């Protein structure tokens, strides 16, 4: 199955440099419609007002973490089927397990490159 590169992708990170890096990687892969949010709360507001084909979110953010965002998305009927990839600098097993239980589609540990991101996105979107 081919990935729809015209879909709207939401990148969520409180660190502007990381948003820029992920945006550049997504552009390298071929995505054209990339939106961003600085924390989970802003991401949730944007998601309630728009249609996103994929969310790529950092775990550690204030005031709403990526994990809390994931829980909110999965608990919201209109959003719960949205593909969700979590990014973190920590590869703690308990975090991975918690994210899987909460319904994350895939998990990326920093640092990563375009190939890794592309592989994770393909794996996630092949399920839909």
Protein backbone atom coordinates (compact mmCIF):
# COMPACT_ATOMS: atom_id res chain seq x y z
CA UNK A 1 0.00 0.00 0.00
CA UNK A 2 1.34 3.43 -0.92
CA UNK A 3 1.49 6.13 1.72
CA UNK A 4 -0.58 9.23 0.93
CA UNK A 5 2.07 11.96 0.99
CA UNK A 6 -0.59 14.67 0.72
CA UNK A 7 -2.15 13.80 4.09
CA UNK A 8 -1.92 16.32 6.93
CA UNK A 9 0.77 15.37 9.47
CA UNK A 10 0.85 16.96 12.94
CA UNK A 11 4.26 17.22 14.64
CA UNK A 12 4.07 17.88 18.38
CA UNK A 13 7.16 18.95 20.33
CA UNK A 14 7.93 21.71 22.82
CA UNK A 15 11.41 22.10 21.36
CA UNK A 16 11.30 24.18 18.17
CA UNK A 17 14.58 22.71 16.89
CA UNK A 18 13.13 19.20 17.10
CA UNK A 19 10.01 20.28 15.19
CA UNK A 20 12.29 21.71 12.49
CA UNK A 21 14.32 18.47 12.31
CA UNK A 22 11.19 16.28 12.05
CA UNK A 23 9.64 18.67 9.50
CA UNK A 24 12.82 18.43 7.39
CA UNK A 25 12.84 14.62 7.61
CA UNK A 26 9.15 14.46 6.63
CA UNK A 27 9.84 16.80 3.69
CA UNK A 28 12.76 14.55 2.62
CA UNK A 29 10.40 11.57 2.70
CA UNK A 30 7.94 13.52 0.54
CA UNK A 31 5.23 14.81 2.88
CA UNK A 32 3.84 18.20 1.88
CA UNK A 33 1.24 19.13 4.54
CA UNK A 34 3.01 19.39 7.87
CA UNK A 35 1.47 21.22 10.81
CA UNK A 36 2.98 21.71 14.26
CA UNK A 37 1.98 22.15 17.89
CA UNK A 38 4.18 23.12 20.84
CA UNK A 39 2.50 20.84 23.39
CA UNK A 40 -0.20 18.23 23.85
CA UNK A 41 -2.90 20.76 24.69
CA UNK A 42 -2.32 22.80 21.51
CA UNK A 43 -2.15 19.56 19.49
CA UNK A 44 -5.50 18.40 20.88
CA UNK A 45 -7.12 21.73 19.99
CA UNK A 46 -5.76 21.51 16.44
CA UNK A 47 -6.88 17.90 16.10
CA UNK A 48 -10.42 18.77 17.20
CA UNK A 49 -10.55 21.41 14.47
CA UNK A 50 -8.87 19.54 11.64
CA UNK A 51 -8.25 16.19 10.01
CA UNK A 52 -4.81 14.66 10.49
CA UNK A 53 -3.68 11.46 8.83
CA UNK A 54 -0.79 11.04 11.27
CA UNK A 55 0.43 12.48 14.58
CA UNK A 56 4.12 12.39 15.52
CA UNK A 57 4.53 13.50 19.12
CA UNK A 58 7.33 13.91 21.62
CA UNK A 59 6.75 12.22 24.98
CA UNK A 60 8.16 14.85 27.37
CA UNK A 61 6.31 18.16 27.19
CA UNK A 62 4.55 20.55 29.55
CA UNK A 63 1.77 21.19 30.43
CA UNK A 64 0.35 18.14 28.58
CA UNK A 65 2.76 15.33 27.73
CA UNK A 66 2.69 13.31 24.53
CA UNK A 67 1.50 10.35 26.59
CA UNK A 68 -1.43 12.36 27.97
CA UNK A 69 -2.17 13.57 24.43
CA UNK A 70 -2.22 9.96 23.24
CA UNK A 71 -4.65 9.02 26.04
CA UNK A 72 -6.94 11.96 25.15
CA UNK A 73 -6.85 11.12 21.43
CA UNK A 74 -7.70 7.47 22.07
CA UNK A 75 -10.54 8.49 24.43
CA UNK A 76 -12.11 10.86 21.87
CA UNK A 77 -14.47 9.10 19.46
CA UNK A 78 -13.74 11.37 16.47
CA UNK A 79 -9.95 11.12 16.94
CA UNK A 80 -9.29 7.65 18.32
CA UNK A 81 -8.42 6.03 14.97
CA UNK A 82 -5.71 8.63 14.17
CA UNK A 83 -2.32 6.95 13.59
CA UNK A 84 0.04 8.04 16.38
CA UNK A 85 3.84 7.75 16.60
CA UNK A 86 5.57 8.63 19.88
CA UNK A 87 9.11 10.00 19.96
CA UNK A 88 11.27 9.94 23.08
CA UNK A 89 14.86 10.26 24.16
CA UNK A 90 14.31 7.51 26.73
CA UNK A 91 13.99 3.87 25.76
CA UNK A 92 12.55 2.81 29.14
CA UNK A 93 10.71 -0.46 28.73
CA UNK A 94 7.90 0.66 31.05
CA UNK A 95 7.30 3.74 28.87
CA UNK A 96 7.11 1.64 25.72
CA UNK A 97 4.68 -0.76 27.43
CA UNK A 98 2.55 2.11 28.79
CA UNK A 99 2.41 3.76 25.35
CA UNK A 100 1.45 0.45 23.69
CA UNK A 101 -1.30 -0.13 26.26
CA UNK A 102 -2.56 3.42 25.65
CA UNK A 103 -2.81 2.67 21.92
CA UNK A 104 0.33 4.13 20.33
CA UNK A 105 0.92 2.77 16.81
CA UNK A 106 4.70 3.03 16.87
CA UNK A 107 7.59 4.33 18.93
CA UNK A 108 10.85 6.05 17.90
CA UNK A 109 13.83 6.60 20.19
CA UNK A 110 15.99 9.68 19.51
CA UNK A 111 18.26 10.16 17.67
CA UNK A 112 16.80 8.87 14.41
CA UNK A 113 17.12 9.56 10.69
CA UNK A 114 14.81 9.83 7.67
CA UNK A 115 15.07 6.07 6.95
CA UNK A 116 13.98 5.16 10.48
CA UNK A 117 11.11 7.66 10.38
CA UNK A 118 10.02 6.45 6.95
CA UNK A 119 10.05 2.81 8.10
CA UNK A 120 7.97 3.60 11.20
CA UNK A 121 5.46 5.65 9.19
CA UNK A 122 5.12 2.89 6.58
CA UNK A 123 4.60 0.28 9.31
CA UNK A 124 1.92 2.43 10.99
CA UNK A 125 0.02 3.42 7.86
CA UNK A 126 0.05 -0.10 6.42
CA UNK A 127 -2.30 -1.01 9.29
CA UNK A 128 -4.93 1.47 8.09
